[in-house]
Amino acid sequence: MDTRATESFDTLVVGAGYAGSIMAERLATQCGQRVLVIDRRDHIAGNAYDYYDEHGILCHRYGPHIFHTQAEKVWNYLSQFTEWRPYEHRVLADVDGQLLPIPINRDTVNRLYGLELETEEEMEAFLAERAEPRERIENSEDTVVAKVGWDLYEKFFRGYTRKQWERDPSELNASVCARIPIRFNQDDRYFTDEYQALPAEGYTAMFERILDHPNIEVRLNTSLDAIRDEIQFDHLVYTGPIDEYFGHRFGPLPYRSLHFEFQNHPTPGGGTVHPTGAINFPSADVPYTRITEMRYITGQVAESSTLAVEYPRTEGDPYYPVPQPENRELYKRYEALGAEEPSVTFVGRLARYQYLNMDQVVGQALSTFEKLVESGGVKPAVAS
C-alpha cells in the first residue's frame, strides 16, 4: 500500500449500484467499518438511477426497472429503506398489426389466430401440435421451437432476440429465451413473483437511504485508478467489469449495451399514451426493441408523459453479458485471477459476468457479506 496515502478506510467499494451500496451498508452497520464508496458516474444507484426530467417526469435513465422477487429476505432488506408502490408490469407486443400480450398466453393465441380456446388443456394441445420436440435443448432457438413451434417463434422471439443480442437465437445459450415463459392461461402479467413493486419515492431515494450512514463516504466522478494510490484500505469490494480490473489481460469480455431516446408527449387530463407499461417490437424491420412509458410504471400523474425508446447497441455502458460458451470460459480465466486476490471481493453482475435481475444482485450481495463474516474475512461489530 502507498505510504504517501493520507486517508484510511477499512474497505474501498468500487461502484454505487446495488452490489456496492449493499456491501457498504452491511460493512458499515454490521461491522462498524469505515467505508469509501466510489463511482465513476455522476450519480449513485447504478443502472437503477432515476431522476426528474425537464418536464417533471420521473424517468429511469438506463431503461425500465421493475422490482420483482420471490425472496422474502431480499424484500425485507430493501423495505428498510423505502416504502413501495405496488405495480404489476404488463407488456404488449406489436405483431401482425395487433398489440398482443407477451409472454404468450391463451389470449395471445386466440387473438392472433382468430381462435376461441377456452381451457388450459386446449391451449396446451394447440401448442403441442405445433411444437417441434428436440432431443437436446442446445440453444435459445431449441428452447422456443420445442415449446411453441416455428410460427410463434418467428413472430415473437427471433427478430427481437437478434436485435437485442446481434446474434440469432440459435447462437445463444438456451437460458436467454427460457427467461420468457409460455402460459396456458390468461395471466397477462409479465412477472408472477409474490413481491412486485417500485420504490414509492424512486430508486435514487432508496439508494440515498442505503448509503446514509456516518461510516460511509461517497465520491462520484471517481475511478479506481484515480484514487487507488491516494488512500489506504484493507479490503476492496469491486463491482465493475472483472476483465477491466485485470487490464483485459486475456482480452475483453463482450457485453451488449443500450441506447435510450426519450420522447415527451402531451397528455391533457393526466392520461397515458399507451395502454400498458411497455410495448415490444419483435419485428426485425423496426430498429428498436421496446417503448416504455415512464409515468405508467411510476404512477405519476401529469399533463405530459415521457417515453423511453430502447435501441440495443454493441458499444456503450455494459448492460448484459453475452451468454455464449466461449465467453463463459473467458470469464472463468478472470475468475481464477480473482481467486488469487484474497483482499478483493468481486460481487455483482459485471464482476461475475452474470445476467442478473435486481433482486438477484441484492441476494448475491447479502450472501457475499454473510460469507465474508463466516470466513473471518470481516468481523461483526461488538455490541456495547
Protein backbone atom coordinates (compact mmCIF):
# COMPACT_ATOMS: atom_id res chain seq x y z
CA MET A 1 0.00 0.00 0.00
CA ASP A 2 1.23 3.52 -0.81
CA THR A 3 2.79 5.02 2.32
CA ARG A 4 2.11 8.51 0.98
CA ALA A 5 -1.62 7.98 1.41
CA THR A 6 -3.18 10.30 3.99
CA GLU A 7 -6.70 8.87 4.27
CA SER A 8 -7.52 5.45 5.63
CA PHE A 9 -10.62 3.28 5.22
CA ASP A 10 -11.38 -0.28 6.20
CA THR A 11 -12.97 -1.01 2.83
CA LEU A 12 -12.98 0.68 -0.56
CA VAL A 13 -16.11 -0.13 -2.58
CA VAL A 14 -15.98 0.40 -6.34
CA GLY A 15 -19.45 1.03 -7.71
CA ALA A 16 -22.53 2.62 -6.10
CA GLY A 17 -25.13 0.32 -7.63
CA TYR A 18 -26.94 -2.46 -5.80
CA ALA A 19 -23.95 -4.69 -5.12
CA GLY A 20 -21.61 -1.95 -3.95
CA SER A 21 -24.17 0.03 -1.95
CA ILE A 22 -25.46 -3.01 -0.09
CA MET A 23 -21.95 -4.26 0.70
CA ALA A 24 -21.09 -0.79 2.01
CA GLU A 25 -24.22 -0.64 4.15
CA ARG A 26 -23.62 -4.08 5.65
CA LEU A 27 -19.94 -3.42 6.37
CA ALA A 28 -20.72 -0.07 8.00
CA THR A 29 -23.75 -1.07 10.05
CA GLN A 30 -22.89 -4.65 10.95
CA CYS A 31 -19.10 -4.45 11.24
CA GLY A 32 -18.55 -0.84 12.22
CA GLN A 33 -16.23 -0.35 9.26
CA ARG A 34 -15.32 2.96 7.71
CA VAL A 35 -16.19 2.59 4.03
CA LEU A 36 -15.44 4.71 0.99
CA VAL A 37 -17.75 4.16 -2.00
CA ILE A 38 -16.62 5.49 -5.38
CA ASP A 39 -18.36 5.57 -8.73
CA ARG A 40 -17.08 6.96 -11.99
CA ARG A 41 -20.58 8.14 -12.93
CA ASP A 42 -22.02 11.36 -11.52
CA HIS A 43 -24.74 9.59 -9.53
CA ILE A 44 -25.43 6.69 -7.19
CA ALA A 45 -27.88 3.80 -7.82
CA GLY A 46 -26.11 2.30 -10.82
CA ASN A 47 -28.42 1.42 -13.70
CA ALA A 48 -31.43 1.76 -11.38
CA TYR A 49 -30.84 5.53 -11.20
CA ASP A 50 -33.93 7.65 -11.71
CA TYR A 51 -34.37 11.42 -11.98
CA TYR A 52 -36.95 14.06 -12.88
CA ASP A 53 -36.61 15.26 -16.46
CA GLU A 54 -37.24 18.80 -17.67
CA HIS A 55 -40.97 18.04 -17.87
CA GLY A 56 -41.12 16.96 -14.24
CA ILE A 57 -41.49 13.28 -15.14
CA LEU A 58 -39.66 10.66 -13.06
CA CYS A 59 -37.55 8.71 -15.55
CA HIS A 60 -35.30 5.66 -15.40
CA ARG A 61 -32.18 6.80 -17.23
CA TYR A 62 -30.99 3.30 -18.06
CA GLY A 63 -34.29 1.72 -19.01
CA PRO A 64 -37.29 0.45 -17.08
CA HIS A 65 -36.56 -1.14 -13.71
CA ILE A 66 -39.48 -3.13 -12.33
CA PHE A 67 -38.66 -4.70 -9.00
CA HIS A 68 -39.96 -8.24 -8.53
CA THR A 69 -38.86 -11.10 -6.33
CA GLN A 70 -39.86 -14.32 -4.63
CA ALA A 71 -37.23 -13.81 -1.95
CA GLU A 72 -38.74 -12.52 1.28
CA LYS A 73 -35.26 -11.87 2.65
CA VAL A 74 -34.46 -9.53 -0.24
CA TRP A 75 -37.83 -7.78 0.05
CA ASN A 76 -37.46 -7.27 3.79
CA TYR A 77 -33.94 -5.92 3.44
CA LEU A 78 -34.87 -3.26 0.88
CA SER A 79 -38.06 -2.40 2.77
CA GLN A 80 -35.85 -0.89 5.48
CA PHE A 81 -35.01 1.88 3.03
CA THR A 82 -38.22 2.51 1.10
CA GLU A 83 -41.99 2.36 1.05
CA TRP A 84 -43.37 0.60 -2.02
CA ARG A 85 -45.84 1.32 -4.78
CA PRO A 86 -47.40 -1.99 -5.82
CA TYR A 87 -47.16 -2.44 -9.59
CA GLU A 88 -47.69 -5.47 -11.82
CA HIS A 89 -45.98 -5.00 -15.16
CA ARG A 90 -47.82 -5.86 -18.36
CA VAL A 91 -46.33 -5.83 -21.85
CA LEU A 92 -47.90 -5.91 -25.29
CA ALA A 93 -46.09 -7.00 -28.45
CA ASP A 94 -46.71 -5.34 -31.83
CA VAL A 95 -47.26 -8.39 -34.05
CA ASP A 96 -49.14 -8.57 -37.36
CA GLY A 97 -50.80 -5.20 -36.77
CA GLN A 98 -52.09 -6.13 -33.30
CA LEU A 99 -50.95 -5.42 -29.76
CA LEU A 100 -50.84 -8.87 -28.14
CA PRO A 101 -49.93 -9.99 -24.61
CA ILE A 102 -46.36 -11.14 -24.04
CA PRO A 103 -45.43 -13.60 -22.51
CA ILE A 104 -47.59 -15.61 -24.87
CA ASN A 105 -50.80 -16.74 -23.21
CA ARG A 106 -54.18 -18.04 -24.32
CA ASP A 107 -55.43 -14.56 -25.25
CA THR A 108 -52.35 -14.03 -27.41
CA VAL A 109 -53.06 -17.17 -29.44
CA ASN A 110 -56.81 -16.60 -29.67
CA ARG A 111 -56.43 -13.05 -30.99
CA LEU A 112 -53.51 -13.85 -33.31
CA TYR A 113 -55.17 -16.83 -34.99
CA GLY A 114 -58.85 -15.95 -34.53
CA LEU A 115 -59.48 -18.91 -32.22
CA GLU A 116 -61.66 -19.50 -29.18
CA LEU A 117 -59.54 -21.72 -26.97
CA GLU A 118 -61.30 -21.80 -23.60
CA THR A 119 -59.21 -24.02 -21.33
CA GLU A 120 -55.60 -24.60 -20.43
CA GLU A 121 -55.89 -28.08 -21.89
CA GLU A 122 -56.98 -26.69 -25.25
CA MET A 123 -54.10 -24.21 -25.24
CA GLU A 124 -51.64 -26.95 -24.34
CA ALA A 125 -52.96 -29.16 -27.14
CA PHE A 126 -52.77 -26.28 -29.65
CA LEU A 127 -49.11 -25.65 -28.86
CA ALA A 128 -48.27 -29.35 -28.76
CA GLU A 129 -49.50 -29.73 -32.35
CA ARG A 130 -47.05 -27.05 -33.49
CA ALA A 131 -44.11 -27.76 -31.24
CA GLU A 132 -41.06 -29.50 -32.66
CA PRO A 133 -39.51 -31.55 -29.84
CA ARG A 134 -35.73 -31.60 -29.60
CA GLU A 135 -33.69 -34.47 -28.22
CA ARG A 136 -31.36 -31.91 -26.68
CA ILE A 137 -32.02 -28.25 -25.94
CA GLU A 138 -28.74 -26.67 -27.03
CA ASN A 139 -29.67 -23.05 -27.68
CA SER A 140 -32.45 -20.47 -27.45
CA GLU A 141 -33.98 -21.46 -30.76
CA ASP A 142 -34.38 -25.01 -29.49
CA THR A 143 -35.96 -23.70 -26.28
CA VAL A 144 -38.77 -21.87 -28.07
CA VAL A 145 -39.39 -24.09 -31.08
CA ALA A 146 -39.65 -27.14 -28.83
CA LYS A 147 -42.45 -25.41 -26.90
CA VAL A 148 -44.45 -23.47 -29.50
CA GLY A 149 -43.19 -24.29 -33.00
CA TRP A 150 -41.83 -22.10 -35.75
CA ASP A 151 -44.60 -19.56 -36.37
CA LEU A 152 -44.79 -18.12 -32.85
CA TYR A 153 -41.00 -18.32 -32.64
CA GLU A 154 -40.64 -16.20 -35.78
CA LYS A 155 -43.33 -13.70 -34.78
CA PHE A 156 -42.37 -13.08 -31.16
CA PHE A 157 -38.82 -14.27 -30.50
CA ARG A 158 -36.42 -14.39 -33.41
CA GLY A 159 -36.38 -10.77 -34.54
CA TYR A 160 -36.44 -9.36 -31.02
CA THR A 161 -33.59 -11.62 -29.91
CA ARG A 162 -31.47 -10.80 -32.96
CA LYS A 163 -31.88 -7.09 -32.29
CA GLN A 164 -31.20 -7.43 -28.59
CA TRP A 165 -28.10 -9.62 -28.89
CA GLU A 166 -26.97 -9.10 -32.51
CA ARG A 167 -26.96 -12.89 -32.74
CA ASP A 168 -29.50 -15.42 -33.89
CA PRO A 169 -31.23 -17.34 -31.06
CA SER A 170 -29.55 -20.48 -32.42
CA GLU A 171 -26.21 -18.94 -31.34
CA LEU A 172 -27.28 -18.09 -27.79
CA ASN A 173 -27.49 -20.10 -24.60
CA ALA A 174 -30.87 -21.72 -24.04
CA SER A 175 -31.36 -19.63 -20.88
CA VAL A 176 -31.87 -16.39 -22.87
CA CYS A 177 -35.28 -17.24 -24.29
CA ALA A 178 -36.12 -19.58 -21.42
CA ARG A 179 -36.49 -16.44 -19.27
CA ILE A 180 -39.79 -15.73 -21.03
CA PRO A 181 -42.44 -18.33 -20.07
CA ILE A 182 -45.27 -19.69 -22.18
CA ARG A 183 -48.64 -19.65 -20.38
CA PHE A 184 -51.67 -21.83 -20.99
CA ASN A 185 -53.97 -19.50 -19.02
CA GLN A 186 -54.91 -15.81 -19.45
CA ASP A 187 -52.42 -14.37 -16.97
CA ASP A 188 -51.01 -11.32 -18.77
CA ARG A 189 -48.61 -10.19 -16.05
CA TYR A 190 -45.01 -10.06 -17.21
CA PHE A 191 -43.82 -11.36 -13.83
CA THR A 192 -45.59 -13.67 -11.41
CA ASP A 193 -43.39 -13.13 -8.33
CA GLU A 194 -45.02 -12.66 -4.95
CA TYR A 195 -43.47 -9.22 -4.47
CA GLN A 196 -43.86 -6.74 -7.33
CA ALA A 197 -43.46 -3.00 -6.76
CA LEU A 198 -41.43 0.16 -7.31
CA PRO A 199 -39.88 2.29 -4.56
CA ALA A 200 -42.55 4.85 -3.73
CA GLU A 201 -40.15 7.81 -3.98
CA GLY A 202 -37.94 6.28 -6.67
CA TYR A 203 -34.81 4.16 -6.76
CA THR A 204 -32.35 7.00 -6.22
CA ALA A 205 -34.10 7.99 -2.98
CA MET A 206 -33.86 4.38 -1.81
CA PHE A 207 -30.14 4.26 -2.55
CA GLU A 208 -29.61 7.56 -0.72
CA ARG A 209 -31.04 5.91 2.40
CA ILE A 210 -28.95 2.76 1.95
CA LEU A 211 -25.80 4.87 1.85
CA ASP A 212 -26.86 7.30 4.56
CA HIS A 213 -24.54 6.28 7.39
CA PRO A 214 -21.81 8.25 9.19
CA ASN A 215 -19.29 5.49 8.41
CA ILE A 216 -19.94 5.68 4.64
CA GLU A 217 -18.41 8.30 2.38
CA VAL A 218 -19.43 8.51 -1.29
CA ARG A 219 -17.32 10.10 -4.02
CA LEU A 220 -18.71 10.37 -7.54
CA ASN A 221 -16.90 11.00 -10.83
CA THR A 222 -14.08 8.94 -9.32
CA SER A 223 -12.35 5.90 -10.81
CA LEU A 224 -10.36 3.21 -9.05
CA ASP A 225 -7.19 4.15 -10.94
CA ALA A 226 -7.54 7.78 -9.87
CA ILE A 227 -7.85 7.06 -6.17
CA ARG A 228 -6.05 3.77 -5.54
CA ASP A 229 -2.76 5.43 -4.55
CA GLU A 230 -4.35 8.29 -2.60
CA ILE A 231 -5.93 6.26 0.21
CA GLN A 232 -5.20 3.31 2.43
CA PHE A 233 -7.64 0.43 2.68
CA ASP A 234 -7.52 -3.15 3.87
CA HIS A 235 -10.28 -4.61 1.72
CA LEU A 236 -11.57 -3.87 -1.78
CA VAL A 237 -15.10 -4.63 -2.93
CA TYR A 238 -15.16 -4.48 -6.72
CA THR A 239 -18.44 -4.42 -8.68
CA GLY A 240 -17.20 -3.27 -12.09
CA PRO A 241 -16.29 -5.44 -15.10
CA ILE A 242 -13.81 -8.06 -13.92
CA ASP A 243 -11.90 -8.02 -17.21
CA GLU A 244 -11.34 -4.29 -16.78
CA TYR A 245 -9.97 -4.81 -13.26
CA PHE A 246 -7.29 -7.09 -14.71
CA GLY A 247 -6.48 -4.77 -17.60
CA HIS A 248 -8.21 -7.04 -20.14
CA ARG A 249 -5.28 -9.42 -19.72
CA PHE A 250 -6.97 -12.23 -21.67
CA GLY A 251 -8.99 -9.93 -23.92
CA PRO A 252 -12.28 -8.09 -23.30
CA LEU A 253 -15.43 -9.87 -22.18
CA PRO A 254 -18.25 -8.96 -24.60
CA TYR A 255 -21.33 -7.09 -23.40
CA ARG A 256 -24.44 -5.72 -25.01
CA SER A 257 -25.32 -2.11 -24.34
CA LEU A 258 -28.44 0.01 -24.77
CA HIS A 259 -29.24 3.49 -26.05
CA PHE A 260 -32.41 5.31 -24.99
CA GLU A 261 -34.23 8.02 -26.86
CA PHE A 262 -36.61 9.92 -24.56
CA GLN A 263 -39.73 11.50 -26.02
CA ASN A 264 -42.28 13.62 -24.21
CA HIS A 265 -45.91 13.76 -25.33
CA PRO A 266 -48.77 15.94 -24.05
CA THR A 267 -51.41 14.04 -22.05
CA PRO A 268 -54.18 16.52 -21.18
CA GLY A 269 -56.10 15.29 -18.19
CA GLY A 270 -53.22 13.15 -16.96
CA GLY A 271 -53.88 10.07 -19.07
CA THR A 272 -51.25 7.82 -20.63
CA VAL A 273 -50.04 7.47 -24.20
CA HIS A 274 -50.02 3.67 -24.26
CA PRO A 275 -52.46 1.07 -22.92
CA THR A 276 -49.75 -0.65 -20.87
CA GLY A 277 -46.32 -0.01 -19.35
CA ALA A 278 -44.30 -1.27 -22.30
CA ILE A 279 -44.76 -2.26 -25.92
CA ASN A 280 -42.33 -4.69 -27.55
CA PHE A 281 -41.48 -4.61 -31.24
CA PRO A 282 -40.29 -8.09 -32.27
CA SER A 283 -40.07 -7.31 -35.98
CA ALA A 284 -36.54 -7.10 -37.36
CA ASP A 285 -37.81 -4.23 -39.55
CA VAL A 286 -38.17 -1.96 -36.52
CA PRO A 287 -34.79 -0.74 -35.21
CA TYR A 288 -35.81 -0.51 -31.55
CA THR A 289 -36.92 -3.33 -29.26
CA ARG A 290 -39.44 -1.66 -26.95
CA ILE A 291 -41.01 1.58 -25.80
CA THR A 292 -41.65 2.10 -22.10
CA GLU A 293 -43.97 4.77 -20.73
CA MET A 294 -42.36 6.06 -17.55
CA ARG A 295 -45.46 7.52 -15.91
CA TYR A 296 -47.34 4.29 -16.44
CA ILE A 297 -44.92 2.34 -14.27
CA THR A 298 -44.25 5.03 -11.64
CA GLY A 299 -47.91 6.02 -11.19
CA GLN A 300 -47.13 9.71 -11.54
CA VAL A 301 -49.98 11.90 -12.82
CA ALA A 302 -49.03 14.80 -15.09
CA GLU A 303 -50.09 16.74 -18.17
CA SER A 304 -47.38 15.10 -20.27
CA SER A 305 -45.76 11.67 -20.47
CA THR A 306 -42.19 10.63 -21.23
CA LEU A 307 -41.49 7.53 -23.31
CA ALA A 308 -38.17 5.67 -23.47
CA VAL A 309 -37.42 4.13 -26.86
CA GLU A 310 -34.84 1.38 -26.47
CA TYR A 311 -32.13 0.57 -29.03
CA PRO A 312 -29.66 -2.28 -28.41
CA ARG A 313 -26.02 -1.42 -29.08
CA THR A 314 -22.63 -3.09 -29.11
CA GLU A 315 -20.75 -0.02 -27.84
CA GLY A 316 -21.54 1.80 -24.62
CA ASP A 317 -22.00 1.06 -20.95
CA PRO A 318 -22.01 -2.69 -20.30
CA TYR A 319 -25.53 -3.98 -19.61
CA TYR A 320 -25.75 -7.66 -20.47
CA PRO A 321 -23.06 -10.35 -20.59
CA VAL A 322 -23.34 -12.21 -23.89
CA PRO A 323 -24.37 -15.77 -22.97
CA GLN A 324 -22.16 -17.95 -25.15
CA PRO A 325 -19.90 -20.83 -24.02
CA GLU A 326 -16.67 -19.19 -25.18
CA ASN A 327 -17.46 -16.08 -23.14
CA ARG A 328 -18.14 -18.14 -20.05
CA GLU A 329 -14.78 -19.84 -20.47
CA LEU A 330 -13.06 -16.48 -20.81
CA TYR A 331 -14.75 -15.28 -17.63
CA LYS A 332 -13.53 -18.36 -15.76
CA ARG A 333 -9.94 -17.35 -16.57
CA TYR A 334 -10.57 -13.95 -14.98
CA GLU A 335 -12.38 -15.58 -12.06
CA ALA A 336 -9.26 -17.67 -11.39
CA LEU A 337 -7.19 -14.47 -11.25
CA GLY A 338 -9.66 -13.00 -8.80
CA ALA A 339 -9.35 -16.03 -6.54
CA GLU A 340 -5.67 -15.22 -6.15
CA GLU A 341 -6.52 -11.86 -4.51
CA PRO A 342 -7.94 -12.65 -1.05
CA SER A 343 -8.26 -9.00 -0.09
CA VAL A 344 -10.56 -8.31 -3.05
CA THR A 345 -14.24 -9.30 -3.16
CA PHE A 346 -15.84 -9.45 -6.61
CA VAL A 347 -19.62 -9.12 -6.49
CA GLY A 348 -22.41 -8.14 -8.88
CA ARG A 349 -23.36 -8.83 -12.46
CA LEU A 350 -20.32 -7.15 -14.06
CA ALA A 351 -17.77 -8.52 -11.62
CA ARG A 352 -19.16 -12.03 -12.01
CA TYR A 353 -20.28 -11.76 -15.63
CA GLN A 354 -23.85 -12.83 -14.91
CA TYR A 355 -27.24 -11.81 -16.32
CA LEU A 356 -28.97 -10.96 -13.03
CA ASN A 357 -32.25 -9.29 -12.11
CA MET A 358 -32.18 -6.62 -9.42
CA ASP A 359 -33.36 -8.95 -6.68
CA GLN A 360 -30.69 -11.47 -7.60
CA VAL A 361 -27.97 -8.85 -7.23
CA VAL A 362 -29.38 -7.87 -3.83
CA GLY A 363 -29.42 -11.53 -2.77
CA GLN A 364 -25.87 -12.06 -4.02
CA ALA A 365 -24.58 -9.01 -2.14
CA LEU A 366 -26.25 -10.10 1.10
CA SER A 367 -24.95 -13.66 0.83
CA THR A 368 -21.45 -12.43 -0.12
CA PHE A 369 -21.36 -10.30 3.02
CA GLU A 370 -22.55 -13.21 5.15
CA LYS A 371 -19.86 -15.48 3.73
CA LEU A 372 -17.21 -12.83 4.44
CA VAL A 373 -18.29 -12.77 8.08
CA GLU A 374 -18.45 -16.58 8.32
CA SER A 375 -14.97 -16.94 6.83
CA GLY A 376 -13.50 -14.38 9.19
CA GLY A 377 -12.72 -12.00 6.32
CA VAL A 378 -14.57 -9.28 8.23
CA LYS A 379 -15.65 -9.20 11.85
CA PRO A 380 -19.06 -8.13 13.09
CA ALA A 381 -19.18 -5.14 15.38
CA VAL A 382 -19.22 -5.88 19.09
CA ALA A 383 -22.34 -4.53 20.78
CA SER A 384 -21.51 -2.05 23.52
